[in-house]
Amino acid sequence: MHEPPTPDGATLEPLLSWMRDNARHELTLADIAHHAGLSTRTLNRRFRDQTGTTPLQWLHRVRVHRAQHLLETTAHPIDRVAGQVEFGSTTAFRDRFKRITGTSPQAYRRS
């Protein structure tokens, strides 16, 4: 008996779940590729084909989404939120947050 064809995007679902579960850790492209059992080049190509973005851009979106939740549900300072979602610096966090959401973390919290 043959396996049914896998819908587009589904072949990466175990990896996406692993990335979501481990987004609080510092992950590199090499870490993600190693976990997937792929070269970084193959991972990038398959990831872009199935998600429309790169693994690290996807991971940044997951982290920003988590930051949005923290900004909505806690009174933690912005630098603490940045650390909780594994951005290397508060400046990098603010820049990435604004690029993805179109607003600053502080403005997001106020709204």
PDB file of N, CA and C in Angstrom:
ATOM      1  N   MET A   1       0.848  -1.176   0.000  1.00  0.00           N
ATOM      2  CA  MET A   1       0.000   0.000   0.000  1.00  0.00           C
ATOM      3  C   MET A   1       0.895   1.242   0.000  1.00  0.00           C
ATOM      4  N   HIS A   2       0.585   2.209  -0.838  1.00  0.00           N
ATOM      5  CA  HIS A   2       1.363   3.433  -0.938  1.00  0.00           C
ATOM      6  C   HIS A   2       0.789   4.505  -0.029  1.00  0.00           C
ATOM      7  N   GLU A   3       1.689   5.372   0.445  1.00  0.00           N
ATOM      8  CA  GLU A   3       1.272   6.514   1.251  1.00  0.00           C
ATOM      9  C   GLU A   3       0.557   7.520   0.360  1.00  0.00           C
ATOM     10  N   PRO A   4      -0.478   8.180   0.858  1.00  0.00           N
ATOM     11  CA  PRO A   4      -1.126   9.221   0.056  1.00  0.00           C
ATOM     12  C   PRO A   4      -0.158  10.385  -0.146  1.00  0.00           C
ATOM     13  N   PRO A   5      -0.332  11.135  -1.226  1.00  0.00           N
ATOM     14  CA  PRO A   5       0.554  12.279  -1.435  1.00  0.00           C
ATOM     15  C   PRO A   5       0.432  13.285  -0.287  1.00  0.00           C
ATOM     16  N   THR A   6       1.538  13.910   0.033  1.00  0.00           N
ATOM     17  CA  THR A   6       1.563  14.887   1.112  1.00  0.00           C
ATOM     18  C   THR A   6       1.200  16.260   0.574  1.00  0.00           C
ATOM     19  N   PRO A   7       0.229  16.939   1.194  1.00  0.00           N
ATOM     20  CA  PRO A   7      -0.124  18.279   0.732  1.00  0.00           C
ATOM     21  C   PRO A   7       1.064  19.226   0.893  1.00  0.00           C
ATOM     22  N   ASP A   8       1.138  20.249   0.041  1.00  0.00           N
ATOM     23  CA  ASP A   8       2.210  21.239   0.153  1.00  0.00           C
ATOM     24  C   ASP A   8       2.248  21.809   1.565  1.00  0.00           C
ATOM     25  N   GLY A   9       3.444  21.899   2.113  1.00  0.00           N
ATOM     26  CA  GLY A   9       3.618  22.459   3.447  1.00  0.00           C
ATOM     27  C   GLY A   9       3.604  21.416   4.538  1.00  0.00           C
ATOM     28  N   ALA A  10       2.931  20.303   4.316  1.00  0.00           N
ATOM     29  CA  ALA A  10       2.796  19.298   5.360  1.00  0.00           C
ATOM     30  C   ALA A  10       4.102  18.568   5.635  1.00  0.00           C
ATOM     31  N   THR A  11       4.987  18.476   4.643  1.00  0.00           N
ATOM     32  CA  THR A  11       6.227  17.746   4.876  1.00  0.00           C
ATOM     33  C   THR A  11       7.117  18.463   5.887  1.00  0.00           C
ATOM     34  N   LEU A  12       6.944  19.743   6.051  1.00  0.00           N
ATOM     35  CA  LEU A  12       7.718  20.497   7.032  1.00  0.00           C
ATOM     36  C   LEU A  12       7.021  20.623   8.380  1.00  0.00           C
ATOM     37  N   GLU A  13       5.808  20.148   8.491  1.00  0.00           N
ATOM     38  CA  GLU A  13       5.051  20.350   9.729  1.00  0.00           C
ATOM     39  C   GLU A  13       5.781  19.851  10.976  1.00  0.00           C
ATOM     40  N   PRO A  14       6.402  18.668  10.955  1.00  0.00           N
ATOM     41  CA  PRO A  14       7.146  18.271  12.162  1.00  0.00           C
ATOM     42  C   PRO A  14       8.274  19.252  12.499  1.00  0.00           C
ATOM     43  N   LEU A  15       8.950  19.763  11.494  1.00  0.00           N
ATOM     44  CA  LEU A  15      10.015  20.732  11.723  1.00  0.00           C
ATOM     45  C   LEU A  15       9.441  22.047  12.240  1.00  0.00           C
ATOM     46  N   LEU A  16       8.342  22.499  11.669  1.00  0.00           N
ATOM     47  CA  LEU A  16       7.716  23.742  12.127  1.00  0.00           C
ATOM     48  C   LEU A  16       7.290  23.620  13.586  1.00  0.00           C
ATOM     49  N   SER A  17       6.750  22.484  13.955  1.00  0.00           N
ATOM     50  CA  SER A  17       6.355  22.262  15.356  1.00  0.00           C
ATOM     51  C   SER A  17       7.571  22.289  16.267  1.00  0.00           C
ATOM     52  N   TRP A  18       8.645  21.649  15.830  1.00  0.00           N
ATOM     53  CA  TRP A  18       9.882  21.653  16.614  1.00  0.00           C
ATOM     54  C   TRP A  18      10.420  23.068  16.761  1.00  0.00           C
ATOM     55  N   MET A  19      10.386  23.839  15.680  1.00  0.00           N
ATOM     56  CA  MET A  19      10.861  25.223  15.728  1.00  0.00           C
ATOM     57  C   MET A  19      10.006  26.057  16.678  1.00  0.00           C
ATOM     58  N   ARG A  20       8.687  25.880  16.633  1.00  0.00           N
ATOM     59  CA  ARG A  20       7.786  26.601  17.545  1.00  0.00           C
ATOM     60  C   ARG A  20       8.121  26.247  18.996  1.00  0.00           C
ATOM     61  N   ASP A  21       8.288  24.941  19.239  1.00  0.00           N
ATOM     62  CA  ASP A  21       8.564  24.474  20.598  1.00  0.00           C
ATOM     63  C   ASP A  21       9.920  24.944  21.110  1.00  0.00           C
ATOM     64  N   ASN A  22      10.865  25.193  20.215  1.00  0.00           N
ATOM     65  CA  ASN A  22      12.223  25.564  20.599  1.00  0.00           C
ATOM     66  C   ASN A  22      12.571  27.015  20.292  1.00  0.00           C
ATOM     67  N   ALA A  23      11.587  27.821  19.960  1.00  0.00           N
ATOM     68  CA  ALA A  23      11.824  29.222  19.596  1.00  0.00           C
ATOM     69  C   ALA A  23      12.424  30.010  20.753  1.00  0.00           C
ATOM     70  N   ARG A  24      12.247  29.522  21.969  1.00  0.00           N
ATOM     71  CA  ARG A  24      12.805  30.227  23.122  1.00  0.00           C
ATOM     72  C   ARG A  24      14.305  29.996  23.266  1.00  0.00           C
ATOM     73  N   HIS A  25      14.858  29.105  22.445  1.00  0.00           N
ATOM     74  CA  HIS A  25      16.296  28.838  22.439  1.00  0.00           C
ATOM     75  C   HIS A  25      16.948  29.565  21.271  1.00  0.00           C
ATOM     76  N   GLU A  26      18.227  29.811  21.399  1.00  0.00           N
ATOM     77  CA  GLU A  26      18.961  30.414  20.294  1.00  0.00           C
ATOM     78  C   GLU A  26      19.154  29.337  19.233  1.00  0.00           C
ATOM     79  N   LEU A  27      18.487  29.496  18.106  1.00  0.00           N
ATOM     80  CA  LEU A  27      18.578  28.528  17.011  1.00  0.00           C
ATOM     81  C   LEU A  27      19.265  29.170  15.815  1.00  0.00           C
ATOM     82  N   THR A  28      20.195  28.459  15.229  1.00  0.00           N
ATOM     83  CA  THR A  28      20.840  28.928  14.008  1.00  0.00           C
ATOM     84  C   THR A  28      20.272  28.149  12.835  1.00  0.00           C
ATOM     85  N   LEU A  29      20.558  28.615  11.645  1.00  0.00           N
ATOM     86  CA  LEU A  29      20.135  27.893  10.450  1.00  0.00           C
ATOM     87  C   LEU A  29      20.742  26.493  10.454  1.00  0.00           C
ATOM     88  N   ALA A  30      21.995  26.389  10.894  1.00  0.00           N
ATOM     89  CA  ALA A  30      22.661  25.082  10.966  1.00  0.00           C
ATOM     90  C   ALA A  30      21.945  24.157  11.949  1.00  0.00           C
ATOM     91  N   ASP A  31      21.487  24.684  13.097  1.00  0.00           N
ATOM     92  CA  ASP A  31      20.741  23.875  14.068  1.00  0.00           C
ATOM     93  C   ASP A  31      19.453  23.333  13.453  1.00  0.00           C
ATOM     94  N   ILE A  32      18.743  24.205  12.765  1.00  0.00           N
ATOM     95  CA  ILE A  32      17.463  23.831  12.156  1.00  0.00           C
ATOM     96  C   ILE A  32      17.690  22.788  11.067  1.00  0.00           C
ATOM     97  N   ALA A  33      18.688  23.018  10.226  1.00  0.00           N
ATOM     98  CA  ALA A  33      19.005  22.070   9.142  1.00  0.00           C
ATOM     99  C   ALA A  33      19.418  20.718   9.719  1.00  0.00           C
ATOM    100  N   HIS A  34      20.225  20.744  10.768  1.00  0.00           N
ATOM    101  CA  HIS A  34      20.657  19.489  11.402  1.00  0.00           C
ATOM    102  C   HIS A  34      19.458  18.716  11.930  1.00  0.00           C
ATOM    103  N   HIS A  35      18.556  19.414  12.602  1.00  0.00           N
ATOM    104  CA  HIS A  35      17.363  18.745  13.131  1.00  0.00           C
ATOM    105  C   HIS A  35      16.518  18.151  11.995  1.00  0.00           C
ATOM    106  N   ALA A  36      16.460  18.855  10.874  1.00  0.00           N
ATOM    107  CA  ALA A  36      15.669  18.389   9.728  1.00  0.00           C
ATOM    108  C   ALA A  36      16.397  17.297   8.938  1.00  0.00           C
ATOM    109  N   GLY A  37      17.687  17.121   9.208  1.00  0.00           N
ATOM    110  CA  GLY A  37      18.463  16.136   8.461  1.00  0.00           C
ATOM    111  C   GLY A  37      18.741  16.586   7.033  1.00  0.00           C
ATOM    112  N   LEU A  38      18.871  17.893   6.845  1.00  0.00           N
ATOM    113  CA  LEU A  38      19.083  18.460   5.519  1.00  0.00           C
ATOM    114  C   LEU A  38      20.281  19.402   5.543  1.00  0.00           C
ATOM    115  N   SER A  39      20.822  19.666   4.368  1.00  0.00           N
ATOM    116  CA  SER A  39      21.834  20.725   4.273  1.00  0.00           C
ATOM    117  C   SER A  39      21.108  22.056   4.419  1.00  0.00           C
ATOM    118  N   THR A  40      21.846  23.095   4.768  1.00  0.00           N
ATOM    119  CA  THR A  40      21.207  24.407   4.909  1.00  0.00           C
ATOM    120  C   THR A  40      20.627  24.874   3.576  1.00  0.00           C
ATOM    121  N   ARG A  41      21.323  24.560   2.496  1.00  0.00           N
ATOM    122  CA  ARG A  41      20.838  24.970   1.173  1.00  0.00           C
ATOM    123  C   ARG A  41      19.514  24.277   0.820  1.00  0.00           C
ATOM    124  N   THR A  42      19.460  22.965   1.054  1.00  0.00           N
ATOM    125  CA  THR A  42      18.228  22.223   0.775  1.00  0.00           C
ATOM    126  C   THR A  42      17.101  22.679   1.696  1.00  0.00           C
ATOM    127  N   LEU A  43      17.424  22.899   2.961  1.00  0.00           N
ATOM    128  CA  LEU A  43      16.413  23.383   3.901  1.00  0.00           C
ATOM    129  C   LEU A  43      15.844  24.720   3.429  1.00  0.00           C
ATOM    130  N   ASN A  44      16.710  25.657   3.085  1.00  0.00           N
ATOM    131  CA  ASN A  44      16.236  26.962   2.612  1.00  0.00           C
ATOM    132  C   ASN A  44      15.328  26.825   1.405  1.00  0.00           C
ATOM    133  N   ARG A  45      15.719  25.999   0.450  1.00  0.00           N
ATOM    134  CA  ARG A  45      14.920  25.824  -0.767  1.00  0.00           C
ATOM    135  C   ARG A  45      13.560  25.215  -0.441  1.00  0.00           C
ATOM    136  N   ARG A  46      13.534  24.126   0.331  1.00  0.00           N
ATOM    137  CA  ARG A  46      12.254  23.483   0.669  1.00  0.00           C
ATOM    138  C   ARG A  46      11.384  24.385   1.525  1.00  0.00           C
ATOM    139  N   PHE A  47      12.016  25.082   2.439  1.00  0.00           N
ATOM    140  CA  PHE A  47      11.268  25.967   3.328  1.00  0.00           C
ATOM    141  C   PHE A  47      10.599  27.076   2.528  1.00  0.00           C
ATOM    142  N   ARG A  48      11.359  27.684   1.642  1.00  0.00           N
ATOM    143  CA  ARG A  48      10.806  28.771   0.821  1.00  0.00           C
ATOM    144  C   ARG A  48       9.695  28.229  -0.087  1.00  0.00           C
ATOM    145  N   ASP A  49       9.884  27.053  -0.672  1.00  0.00           N
ATOM    146  CA  ASP A  49       8.865  26.444  -1.536  1.00  0.00           C
ATOM    147  C   ASP A  49       7.561  26.200  -0.779  1.00  0.00           C
ATOM    148  N   GLN A  50       7.679  25.766   0.481  1.00  0.00           N
ATOM    149  CA  GLN A  50       6.490  25.355   1.220  1.00  0.00           C
ATOM    150  C   GLN A  50       5.894  26.440   2.109  1.00  0.00           C
ATOM    151  N   THR A  51       6.692  27.425   2.507  1.00  0.00           N
ATOM    152  CA  THR A  51       6.158  28.451   3.409  1.00  0.00           C
ATOM    153  C   THR A  51       6.215  29.850   2.813  1.00  0.00           C
ATOM    154  N   GLY A  52       7.002  30.026   1.762  1.00  0.00           N
ATOM    155  CA  GLY A  52       7.138  31.340   1.147  1.00  0.00           C
ATOM    156  C   GLY A  52       8.137  32.243   1.851  1.00  0.00           C
ATOM    157  N   THR A  53       8.880  31.709   2.797  1.00  0.00           N
ATOM    158  CA  THR A  53       9.850  32.494   3.555  1.00  0.00           C
ATOM    159  C   THR A  53      11.034  31.614   3.936  1.00  0.00           C
ATOM    160  N   THR A  54      12.015  32.199   4.582  1.00  0.00           N
ATOM    161  CA  THR A  54      13.174  31.426   5.023  1.00  0.00           C
ATOM    162  C   THR A  54      12.938  30.905   6.440  1.00  0.00           C
ATOM    163  N   PRO A  55      13.699  29.903   6.862  1.00  0.00           N
ATOM    164  CA  PRO A  55      13.523  29.398   8.225  1.00  0.00           C
ATOM    165  C   PRO A  55      13.721  30.476   9.294  1.00  0.00           C
ATOM    166  N   LEU A  56      14.740  31.315   9.129  1.00  0.00           N
ATOM    167  CA  LEU A  56      14.990  32.330  10.157  1.00  0.00           C
ATOM    168  C   LEU A  56      13.927  33.424  10.154  1.00  0.00           C
ATOM    169  N   GLN A  57      13.427  33.797   8.981  1.00  0.00           N
ATOM    170  CA  GLN A  57      12.333  34.775   8.945  1.00  0.00           C
ATOM    171  C   GLN A  57      11.082  34.195   9.598  1.00  0.00           C
ATOM    172  N   TRP A  58      10.810  32.927   9.348  1.00  0.00           N
ATOM    173  CA  TRP A  58       9.662  32.256   9.953  1.00  0.00           C
ATOM    174  C   TRP A  58       9.817  32.228  11.471  1.00  0.00           C
ATOM    175  N   LEU A  59      11.034  31.913  11.937  1.00  0.00           N
ATOM    176  CA  LEU A  59      11.313  31.869  13.365  1.00  0.00           C
ATOM    177  C   LEU A  59      11.153  33.248  13.997  1.00  0.00           C
ATOM    178  N   HIS A  60      11.589  34.289  13.312  1.00  0.00           N
ATOM    179  CA  HIS A  60      11.395  35.654  13.819  1.00  0.00           C
ATOM    180  C   HIS A  60       9.914  35.961  13.985  1.00  0.00           C
ATOM    181  N   ARG A  61       9.092  35.526  13.048  1.00  0.00           N
ATOM    182  CA  ARG A  61       7.642  35.763  13.147  1.00  0.00           C
ATOM    183  C   ARG A  61       7.051  35.036  14.358  1.00  0.00           C
ATOM    184  N   VAL A  62       7.508  33.816  14.604  1.00  0.00           N
ATOM    185  CA  VAL A  62       7.037  33.066  15.776  1.00  0.00           C
ATOM    186  C   VAL A  62       7.416  33.817  17.045  1.00  0.00           C
ATOM    187  N   ARG A  63       8.639  34.318  17.091  1.00  0.00           N
ATOM    188  CA  ARG A  63       9.109  35.036  18.275  1.00  0.00           C
ATOM    189  C   ARG A  63       8.355  36.351  18.464  1.00  0.00           C
ATOM    190  N   VAL A  64       8.095  37.063  17.394  1.00  0.00           N
ATOM    191  CA  VAL A  64       7.329  38.309  17.492  1.00  0.00           C
ATOM    192  C   VAL A  64       5.904  38.005  17.952  1.00  0.00           C
ATOM    193  N   HIS A  65       5.314  36.942  17.448  1.00  0.00           N
ATOM    194  CA  HIS A  65       3.966  36.559  17.888  1.00  0.00           C
ATOM    195  C   HIS A  65       3.960  36.286  19.398  1.00  0.00           C
ATOM    196  N   ARG A  66       4.997  35.593  19.883  1.00  0.00           N
ATOM    197  CA  ARG A  66       5.121  35.326  21.324  1.00  0.00           C
ATOM    198  C   ARG A  66       5.297  36.644  22.087  1.00  0.00           C
ATOM    199  N   ALA A  67       6.087  37.548  21.529  1.00  0.00           N
ATOM    200  CA  ALA A  67       6.293  38.849  22.162  1.00  0.00           C
ATOM    201  C   ALA A  67       4.972  39.618  22.242  1.00  0.00           C
ATOM    202  N   GLN A  68       4.161  39.554  21.197  1.00  0.00           N
ATOM    203  CA  GLN A  68       2.859  40.222  21.224  1.00  0.00           C
ATOM    204  C   GLN A  68       2.029  39.708  22.400  1.00  0.00           C
ATOM    205  N   HIS A  69       2.044  38.397  22.579  1.00  0.00           N
ATOM    206  CA  HIS A  69       1.298  37.790  23.687  1.00  0.00           C
ATOM    207  C   HIS A  69       1.825  38.322  25.028  1.00  0.00           C
ATOM    208  N   LEU A  70       3.155  38.370  25.179  1.00  0.00           N
ATOM    209  CA  LEU A  70       3.738  38.861  26.426  1.00  0.00           C
ATOM    210  C   LEU A  70       3.423  40.343  26.647  1.00  0.00           C
ATOM    211  N   LEU A  71       3.454  41.126  25.588  1.00  0.00           N
ATOM    212  CA  LEU A  71       3.134  42.555  25.709  1.00  0.00           C
ATOM    213  C   LEU A  71       1.678  42.767  26.119  1.00  0.00           C
ATOM    214  N   GLU A  72       0.810  41.874  25.686  1.00  0.00           N
ATOM    215  CA  GLU A  72      -0.610  41.974  26.010  1.00  0.00           C
ATOM    216  C   GLU A  72      -0.924  41.480  27.420  1.00  0.00           C
ATOM    217  N   THR A  73      -0.151  40.514  27.908  1.00  0.00           N
ATOM    218  CA  THR A  73      -0.531  39.831  29.148  1.00  0.00           C
ATOM    219  C   THR A  73       0.380  40.099  30.337  1.00  0.00           C
ATOM    220  N   THR A  74       1.498  40.813  30.129  1.00  0.00           N
ATOM    221  CA  THR A  74       2.407  41.104  31.241  1.00  0.00           C
ATOM    222  C   THR A  74       2.747  42.591  31.243  1.00  0.00           C
ATOM    223  N   ALA A  75       3.363  43.006  32.319  1.00  0.00           N
ATOM    224  CA  ALA A  75       3.862  44.385  32.419  1.00  0.00           C
ATOM    225  C   ALA A  75       5.385  44.395  32.317  1.00  0.00           C
ATOM    226  N   HIS A  76       5.968  43.302  31.833  1.00  0.00           N
ATOM    227  CA  HIS A  76       7.422  43.211  31.727  1.00  0.00           C
ATOM    228  C   HIS A  76       7.971  44.330  30.852  1.00  0.00           C
ATOM    229  N   PRO A  77       9.119  44.877  31.232  1.00  0.00           N
ATOM    230  CA  PRO A  77       9.752  45.899  30.385  1.00  0.00           C
ATOM    231  C   PRO A  77      10.108  45.311  29.012  1.00  0.00           C
ATOM    232  N   ILE A  78      10.236  46.182  28.023  1.00  0.00           N
ATOM    233  CA  ILE A  78      10.526  45.754  26.650  1.00  0.00           C
ATOM    234  C   ILE A  78      11.807  44.933  26.580  1.00  0.00           C
ATOM    235  N   ASP A  79      12.854  45.328  27.327  1.00  0.00           N
ATOM    236  CA  ASP A  79      14.106  44.576  27.261  1.00  0.00           C
ATOM    237  C   ASP A  79      13.952  43.167  27.823  1.00  0.00           C
ATOM    238  N   ARG A  80      13.086  43.005  28.810  1.00  0.00           N
ATOM    239  CA  ARG A  80      12.836  41.656  29.344  1.00  0.00           C
ATOM    240  C   ARG A  80      12.066  40.809  28.325  1.00  0.00           C
ATOM    241  N   VAL A  81      11.080  41.406  27.689  1.00  0.00           N
ATOM    242  CA  VAL A  81      10.326  40.688  26.645  1.00  0.00           C
ATOM    243  C   VAL A  81      11.280  40.265  25.528  1.00  0.00           C
ATOM    244  N   ALA A  82      12.164  41.168  25.127  1.00  0.00           N
ATOM    245  CA  ALA A  82      13.144  40.851  24.071  1.00  0.00           C
ATOM    246  C   ALA A  82      13.965  39.633  24.456  1.00  0.00           C
ATOM    247  N   GLY A  83      14.403  39.568  25.705  1.00  0.00           N
ATOM    248  CA  GLY A  83      15.171  38.421  26.182  1.00  0.00           C
ATOM    249  C   GLY A  83      14.343  37.157  26.255  1.00  0.00           C
ATOM    250  N   GLN A  84      13.091  37.276  26.647  1.00  0.00           N
ATOM    251  CA  GLN A  84      12.217  36.114  26.773  1.00  0.00           C
ATOM    252  C   GLN A  84      11.923  35.464  25.422  1.00  0.00           C
ATOM    253  N   VAL A  85      11.970  36.240  24.357  1.00  0.00           N
ATOM    254  CA  VAL A  85      11.674  35.686  23.029  1.00  0.00           C
ATOM    255  C   VAL A  85      12.939  35.491  22.198  1.00  0.00           C
ATOM    256  N   GLU A  86      14.100  35.538  22.879  1.00  0.00           N
ATOM    257  CA  GLU A  86      15.391  35.203  22.265  1.00  0.00           C
ATOM    258  C   GLU A  86      15.844  36.119  21.141  1.00  0.00           C
ATOM    259  N   PHE A  87      15.637  37.408  21.313  1.00  0.00           N
ATOM    260  CA  PHE A  87      16.275  38.341  20.394  1.00  0.00           C
ATOM    261  C   PHE A  87      17.581  38.741  21.056  1.00  0.00           C
ATOM    262  N   GLY A  88      18.629  38.867  20.272  1.00  0.00           N
ATOM    263  CA  GLY A  88      19.956  39.131  20.816  1.00  0.00           C
ATOM    264  C   GLY A  88      20.070  40.436  21.571  1.00  0.00           C
ATOM    265  N   SER A  89      19.318  41.433  21.157  1.00  0.00           N
ATOM    266  CA  SER A  89      19.367  42.732  21.822  1.00  0.00           C
ATOM    267  C   SER A  89      17.992  43.383  21.745  1.00  0.00           C
ATOM    268  N   THR A  90      17.788  44.338  22.606  1.00  0.00           N
ATOM    269  CA  THR A  90      16.522  45.068  22.592  1.00  0.00           C
ATOM    270  C   THR A  90      16.358  45.832  21.287  1.00  0.00           C
ATOM    271  N   THR A  91      17.463  46.381  20.768  1.00  0.00           N
ATOM    272  CA  THR A  91      17.402  47.114  19.502  1.00  0.00           C
ATOM    273  C   THR A  91      16.985  46.192  18.361  1.00  0.00           C
ATOM    274  N   ALA A  92      17.590  45.001  18.297  1.00  0.00           N
ATOM    275  CA  ALA A  92      17.225  44.031  17.252  1.00  0.00           C
ATOM    276  C   ALA A  92      15.763  43.630  17.387  1.00  0.00           C
ATOM    277  N   PHE A  93      15.324  43.453  18.630  1.00  0.00           N
ATOM    278  CA  PHE A  93      13.927  43.102  18.878  1.00  0.00           C
ATOM    279  C   PHE A  93      12.982  44.208  18.382  1.00  0.00           C
ATOM    280  N   ARG A  94      13.281  45.460  18.754  1.00  0.00           N
ATOM    281  CA  ARG A  94      12.426  46.575  18.345  1.00  0.00           C
ATOM    282  C   ARG A  94      12.362  46.690  16.823  1.00  0.00           C
ATOM    283  N   ASP A  95      13.523  46.569  16.180  1.00  0.00           N
ATOM    284  CA  ASP A  95      13.573  46.656  14.713  1.00  0.00           C
ATOM    285  C   ASP A  95      12.762  45.542  14.054  1.00  0.00           C
ATOM    286  N   ARG A  96      12.970  44.315  14.497  1.00  0.00           N
ATOM    287  CA  ARG A  96      12.255  43.175  13.903  1.00  0.00           C
ATOM    288  C   ARG A  96      10.774  43.268  14.192  1.00  0.00           C
ATOM    289  N   PHE A  97      10.399  43.647  15.405  1.00  0.00           N
ATOM    290  CA  PHE A  97       8.997  43.774  15.783  1.00  0.00           C
ATOM    291  C   PHE A  97       8.302  44.777  14.872  1.00  0.00           C
ATOM    292  N   LYS A  98       8.944  45.941  14.695  1.00  0.00           N
ATOM    293  CA  LYS A  98       8.334  46.986  13.864  1.00  0.00           C
ATOM    294  C   LYS A  98       8.252  46.542  12.408  1.00  0.00           C
ATOM    295  N   ARG A  99       9.274  45.850  11.912  1.00  0.00           N
ATOM    296  CA  ARG A  99       9.274  45.384  10.525  1.00  0.00           C
ATOM    297  C   ARG A  99       8.127  44.399  10.284  1.00  0.00           C
ATOM    298  N   ILE A 100       7.853  43.556  11.264  1.00  0.00           N
ATOM    299  CA  ILE A 100       6.819  42.526  11.098  1.00  0.00           C
ATOM    300  C   ILE A 100       5.415  43.057  11.385  1.00  0.00           C
ATOM    301  N   THR A 101       5.275  43.893  12.420  1.00  0.00           N
ATOM    302  CA  THR A 101       3.937  44.336  12.820  1.00  0.00           C
ATOM    303  C   THR A 101       3.569  45.720  12.310  1.00  0.00           C
ATOM    304  N   GLY A 102       4.577  46.503  11.922  1.00  0.00           N
ATOM    305  CA  GLY A 102       4.310  47.860  11.463  1.00  0.00           C
ATOM    306  C   GLY A 102       4.219  48.873  12.583  1.00  0.00           C
ATOM    307  N   THR A 103       4.494  48.454  13.813  1.00  0.00           N
ATOM    308  CA  THR A 103       4.448  49.360  14.965  1.00  0.00           C
ATOM    309  C   THR A 103       5.530  48.959  15.958  1.00  0.00           C
ATOM    310  N   SER A 104       5.824  49.840  16.887  1.00  0.00           N
ATOM    311  CA  SER A 104       6.839  49.535  17.904  1.00  0.00           C
ATOM    312  C   SER A 104       6.224  48.672  19.010  1.00  0.00           C
ATOM    313  N   PRO A 105       7.070  47.966  19.767  1.00  0.00           N
ATOM    314  CA  PRO A 105       6.526  47.185  20.886  1.00  0.00           C
ATOM    315  C   PRO A 105       5.764  48.060  21.887  1.00  0.00           C
ATOM    316  N   GLN A 106       6.292  49.258  22.165  1.00  0.00           N
ATOM    317  CA  GLN A 106       5.629  50.148  23.113  1.00  0.00           C
ATOM    318  C   GLN A 106       4.257  50.595  22.591  1.00  0.00           C
ATOM    319  N   ALA A 107       4.186  50.974  21.342  1.00  0.00           N
ATOM    320  CA  ALA A 107       2.901  51.385  20.742  1.00  0.00           C
ATOM    321  C   ALA A 107       1.944  50.195  20.706  1.00  0.00           C
ATOM    322  N   TYR A 108       2.455  49.002  20.416  1.00  0.00           N
ATOM    323  CA  TYR A 108       1.611  47.812  20.406  1.00  0.00           C
ATOM    324  C   TYR A 108       1.004  47.585  21.786  1.00  0.00           C
ATOM    325  N   ARG A 109       1.816  47.710  22.803  1.00  0.00           N
ATOM    326  CA  ARG A 109       1.325  47.501  24.173  1.00  0.00           C
ATOM    327  C   ARG A 109       0.247  48.519  24.531  1.00  0.00           C
ATOM    328  N   ARG A 110       0.438  49.769  24.128  1.00  0.00           N
ATOM    329  CA  ARG A 110      -0.549  50.816  24.436  1.00  0.00           C
ATOM    330  C   ARG A 110      -1.889  50.571  23.748  1.00  0.00           C
ATOM    331  N   SER A 111      -1.865  49.953  22.586  1.00  0.00           N
ATOM    332  CA  SER A 111      -3.115  49.799  21.824  1.00  0.00           C
ATOM    333  C   SER A 111      -3.918  48.602  22.208  1.00  0.00           C
TER     334      SER A 111
END
